Amino acid sequence: MTGLLRLPTATRPRGDKERRTMSSTDQELKWRKATVSNANGQCVELARTADGVAVRDSKDPDGPRLYFTRGEFAAWADGVMRGEFDDLM
């Protein structure tokens, strides 16, 4: 569907029994944010995982995270570079 963002299956909300818990690997992630991020704290941070990319809110580093496969993240980045989400800004 045009204009709608779809969360990857692995990151959709689930019942309590299925929620992903932080593993020791998650604790060792090297988070980074864009160098053009401003000081108002409204940034996201990215980290490479064993099988893709993790995304978190920089204001809440211990909060929820989204996990994307490399293919999912590459498709999103390609869309950003092509201007597919410019109407959201």
N, C-alpha and C. Protein backbone atom coordinates (compact mmCIF):
# COMPACT_ATOMS: atom_id res chain seq x y z
N MET A 1 0.83 -1.18 0.00
CA MET A 1 0.00 0.00 0.00
C MET A 1 0.87 1.24 0.00
N THR A 2 0.58 2.16 -0.83
CA THR A 2 1.35 3.39 -0.91
C THR A 2 1.05 4.28 0.29
N GLY A 3 2.09 4.89 0.85
CA GLY A 3 1.93 5.82 1.94
C GLY A 3 1.89 5.20 3.33
N LEU A 4 1.88 3.89 3.44
CA LEU A 4 1.86 3.25 4.75
C LEU A 4 3.18 2.57 5.02
N LEU A 5 3.66 2.70 6.24
CA LEU A 5 4.87 2.01 6.64
C LEU A 5 4.47 0.69 7.29
N ARG A 6 5.17 -0.37 6.99
CA ARG A 6 4.88 -1.68 7.56
C ARG A 6 6.04 -2.09 8.45
N LEU A 7 5.73 -2.40 9.69
CA LEU A 7 6.77 -2.92 10.57
C LEU A 7 7.11 -4.33 10.14
N PRO A 8 8.38 -4.67 10.13
CA PRO A 8 8.74 -6.06 9.82
C PRO A 8 8.07 -7.00 10.82
N THR A 9 7.77 -8.19 10.37
CA THR A 9 7.08 -9.17 11.20
C THR A 9 7.74 -9.33 12.56
N ALA A 10 9.06 -9.36 12.60
CA ALA A 10 9.78 -9.62 13.85
C ALA A 10 9.61 -8.49 14.86
N THR A 11 9.14 -7.30 14.46
CA THR A 11 9.06 -6.18 15.38
C THR A 11 7.63 -5.78 15.70
N ARG A 12 6.65 -6.46 15.17
CA ARG A 12 5.27 -6.13 15.48
C ARG A 12 4.97 -6.48 16.93
N PRO A 13 4.08 -5.68 17.56
CA PRO A 13 3.75 -5.98 18.95
C PRO A 13 3.24 -7.41 19.11
N ARG A 14 3.61 -8.04 20.20
CA ARG A 14 3.23 -9.43 20.47
C ARG A 14 2.70 -9.54 21.89
N GLY A 15 2.17 -10.69 22.21
CA GLY A 15 1.73 -10.95 23.57
C GLY A 15 2.91 -11.02 24.51
N ASP A 16 2.67 -10.89 25.82
CA ASP A 16 3.75 -10.88 26.81
C ASP A 16 4.67 -12.10 26.70
N LYS A 17 4.11 -13.27 26.40
CA LYS A 17 4.92 -14.48 26.36
C LYS A 17 5.91 -14.47 25.20
N GLU A 18 5.62 -13.69 24.16
CA GLU A 18 6.47 -13.72 22.98
C GLU A 18 7.42 -12.53 22.88
N ARG A 19 7.37 -11.61 23.81
CA ARG A 19 8.23 -10.43 23.72
C ARG A 19 9.70 -10.80 23.75
N ARG A 20 10.46 -10.09 22.97
CA ARG A 20 11.89 -10.34 22.91
C ARG A 20 12.54 -9.75 24.16
N THR A 21 13.41 -10.50 24.78
CA THR A 21 14.15 -10.00 25.93
C THR A 21 15.56 -9.65 25.51
N MET A 22 16.17 -8.72 26.22
CA MET A 22 17.51 -8.29 25.88
C MET A 22 18.51 -9.41 26.18
N SER A 23 19.32 -9.72 25.21
CA SER A 23 20.35 -10.73 25.40
C SER A 23 21.68 -10.03 25.66
N SER A 24 22.68 -10.79 26.04
CA SER A 24 23.99 -10.19 26.26
C SER A 24 24.51 -9.56 24.98
N THR A 25 24.13 -10.11 23.82
CA THR A 25 24.54 -9.53 22.55
C THR A 25 23.96 -8.13 22.40
N ASP A 26 22.69 -7.95 22.79
CA ASP A 26 22.06 -6.63 22.71
C ASP A 26 22.80 -5.62 23.58
N GLN A 27 23.28 -6.05 24.72
CA GLN A 27 23.97 -5.15 25.64
C GLN A 27 25.31 -4.70 25.07
N GLU A 28 25.86 -5.45 24.14
CA GLU A 28 27.17 -5.13 23.57
C GLU A 28 27.08 -4.37 22.25
N LEU A 29 25.89 -3.98 21.84
CA LEU A 29 25.74 -3.28 20.57
C LEU A 29 26.43 -1.93 20.62
N LYS A 30 27.00 -1.52 19.50
CA LYS A 30 27.65 -0.21 19.39
C LYS A 30 26.68 0.73 18.69
N TRP A 31 26.03 1.57 19.46
CA TRP A 31 25.01 2.48 18.94
C TRP A 31 25.64 3.72 18.36
N ARG A 32 25.02 4.24 17.30
CA ARG A 32 25.49 5.49 16.72
C ARG A 32 24.31 6.25 16.13
N LYS A 33 24.48 7.58 16.03
CA LYS A 33 23.46 8.40 15.41
C LYS A 33 24.13 9.31 14.40
N ALA A 34 23.34 9.88 13.53
CA ALA A 34 23.88 10.72 12.46
C ALA A 34 24.64 11.91 13.04
N THR A 35 25.71 12.28 12.39
CA THR A 35 26.49 13.42 12.85
C THR A 35 25.72 14.72 12.71
N VAL A 36 24.68 14.75 11.89
CA VAL A 36 23.88 15.97 11.73
C VAL A 36 22.76 16.06 12.76
N SER A 37 22.68 15.09 13.68
CA SER A 37 21.66 15.14 14.72
C SER A 37 21.84 16.40 15.55
N ASN A 38 20.73 17.03 15.91
CA ASN A 38 20.83 18.25 16.71
C ASN A 38 20.77 17.92 18.19
N ALA A 39 20.95 18.92 19.01
CA ALA A 39 21.05 18.71 20.46
C ALA A 39 19.69 18.64 21.16
N ASN A 40 18.58 18.67 20.43
CA ASN A 40 17.28 18.66 21.10
C ASN A 40 16.86 17.27 21.56
N GLY A 41 17.66 16.25 21.28
CA GLY A 41 17.41 14.91 21.77
C GLY A 41 16.40 14.11 20.97
N GLN A 42 15.92 14.64 19.87
CA GLN A 42 14.94 13.91 19.06
C GLN A 42 15.65 13.16 17.95
N CYS A 43 16.35 12.11 18.34
CA CYS A 43 17.16 11.35 17.40
C CYS A 43 16.88 9.85 17.57
N VAL A 44 17.21 9.12 16.56
CA VAL A 44 17.23 7.67 16.68
C VAL A 44 18.67 7.23 16.57
N GLU A 45 18.96 6.09 17.17
CA GLU A 45 20.30 5.52 17.09
C GLU A 45 20.20 4.16 16.43
N LEU A 46 21.23 3.80 15.70
CA LEU A 46 21.28 2.53 14.99
C LEU A 46 22.46 1.71 15.47
N ALA A 47 22.30 0.39 15.42
CA ALA A 47 23.41 -0.51 15.77
C ALA A 47 23.33 -1.73 14.86
N ARG A 48 24.49 -2.19 14.45
CA ARG A 48 24.54 -3.43 13.66
C ARG A 48 24.35 -4.61 14.59
N THR A 49 23.52 -5.56 14.17
CA THR A 49 23.32 -6.80 14.93
C THR A 49 23.89 -7.95 14.10
N ALA A 50 23.86 -9.13 14.65
CA ALA A 50 24.39 -10.29 13.93
C ALA A 50 23.65 -10.53 12.62
N ASP A 51 22.36 -10.19 12.59
CA ASP A 51 21.59 -10.47 11.37
C ASP A 51 20.87 -9.26 10.81
N GLY A 52 21.24 -8.05 11.22
CA GLY A 52 20.60 -6.87 10.67
C GLY A 52 20.94 -5.60 11.39
N VAL A 53 19.90 -4.81 11.68
CA VAL A 53 20.07 -3.49 12.28
C VAL A 53 19.03 -3.31 13.39
N ALA A 54 19.45 -2.74 14.51
CA ALA A 54 18.56 -2.39 15.60
C ALA A 54 18.41 -0.88 15.64
N VAL A 55 17.22 -0.40 16.01
CA VAL A 55 16.93 1.03 16.07
C VAL A 55 16.33 1.33 17.43
N ARG A 56 16.77 2.44 18.07
CA ARG A 56 16.21 2.85 19.35
C ARG A 56 16.10 4.37 19.40
N ASP A 57 15.31 4.85 20.34
CA ASP A 57 15.14 6.27 20.60
C ASP A 57 16.30 6.73 21.47
N SER A 58 17.02 7.76 21.04
CA SER A 58 18.19 8.20 21.80
C SER A 58 17.82 8.74 23.18
N LYS A 59 16.58 9.23 23.35
CA LYS A 59 16.15 9.73 24.66
C LYS A 59 15.85 8.61 25.65
N ASP A 60 15.64 7.40 25.13
CA ASP A 60 15.26 6.26 25.97
C ASP A 60 16.12 5.05 25.59
N PRO A 61 17.42 5.09 25.87
CA PRO A 61 18.31 4.03 25.41
C PRO A 61 18.00 2.64 25.97
N ASP A 62 17.28 2.57 27.09
CA ASP A 62 16.90 1.27 27.64
C ASP A 62 15.48 0.87 27.26
N GLY A 63 14.84 1.68 26.44
CA GLY A 63 13.47 1.44 26.03
C GLY A 63 13.36 0.44 24.89
N PRO A 64 12.20 0.41 24.26
CA PRO A 64 11.95 -0.55 23.18
C PRO A 64 12.87 -0.33 21.99
N ARG A 65 13.10 -1.39 21.26
CA ARG A 65 13.95 -1.35 20.07
C ARG A 65 13.22 -2.04 18.93
N LEU A 66 13.51 -1.59 17.74
CA LEU A 66 13.01 -2.25 16.55
C LEU A 66 14.17 -3.00 15.92
N TYR A 67 13.91 -4.18 15.41
CA TYR A 67 14.94 -5.00 14.77
C TYR A 67 14.55 -5.26 13.33
N PHE A 68 15.48 -5.00 12.42
CA PHE A 68 15.26 -5.18 10.99
C PHE A 68 16.32 -6.10 10.41
N THR A 69 15.94 -6.90 9.45
CA THR A 69 16.94 -7.68 8.72
C THR A 69 17.72 -6.71 7.84
N ARG A 70 18.85 -7.14 7.33
CA ARG A 70 19.62 -6.28 6.43
C ARG A 70 18.80 -5.89 5.20
N GLY A 71 18.04 -6.84 4.67
CA GLY A 71 17.21 -6.56 3.50
C GLY A 71 16.12 -5.54 3.78
N GLU A 72 15.47 -5.67 4.93
CA GLU A 72 14.42 -4.71 5.30
C GLU A 72 15.01 -3.32 5.47
N PHE A 73 16.15 -3.24 6.15
CA PHE A 73 16.76 -1.93 6.38
C PHE A 73 17.25 -1.32 5.07
N ALA A 74 17.83 -2.14 4.20
CA ALA A 74 18.30 -1.64 2.90
C ALA A 74 17.13 -1.11 2.08
N ALA A 75 15.99 -1.80 2.11
CA ALA A 75 14.82 -1.35 1.36
C ALA A 75 14.32 0.00 1.90
N TRP A 76 14.31 0.15 3.23
CA TRP A 76 13.89 1.42 3.83
C TRP A 76 14.87 2.54 3.47
N ALA A 77 16.16 2.29 3.61
CA ALA A 77 17.17 3.31 3.29
C ALA A 77 17.07 3.73 1.82
N ASP A 78 16.84 2.77 0.94
CA ASP A 78 16.68 3.08 -0.47
C ASP A 78 15.47 4.00 -0.68
N GLY A 79 14.38 3.71 0.01
CA GLY A 79 13.20 4.56 -0.08
C GLY A 79 13.46 5.97 0.41
N VAL A 80 14.23 6.09 1.50
CA VAL A 80 14.59 7.42 2.02
C VAL A 80 15.41 8.17 0.97
N MET A 81 16.41 7.51 0.42
CA MET A 81 17.26 8.18 -0.58
C MET A 81 16.49 8.58 -1.83
N ARG A 82 15.47 7.83 -2.18
CA ARG A 82 14.66 8.13 -3.37
C ARG A 82 13.57 9.16 -3.08
N GLY A 83 13.43 9.57 -1.82
CA GLY A 83 12.43 10.60 -1.48
C GLY A 83 11.04 10.07 -1.23
N GLU A 84 10.89 8.76 -1.04
CA GLU A 84 9.56 8.18 -0.86
C GLU A 84 8.86 8.65 0.42
N PHE A 85 9.61 9.17 1.38
CA PHE A 85 9.02 9.57 2.65
C PHE A 85 9.10 11.08 2.88
N ASP A 86 9.46 11.83 1.85
CA ASP A 86 9.61 13.27 1.99
C ASP A 86 8.33 13.96 2.46
N ASP A 87 7.18 13.41 2.11
CA ASP A 87 5.92 14.01 2.52
C ASP A 87 5.65 13.87 4.02
N LEU A 88 6.46 13.08 4.71
CA LEU A 88 6.29 12.90 6.15
C LEU A 88 7.04 13.96 6.96
N MET A 89 7.86 14.72 6.31
CA MET A 89 8.67 15.73 7.01
C MET A 89 8.02 17.09 6.94
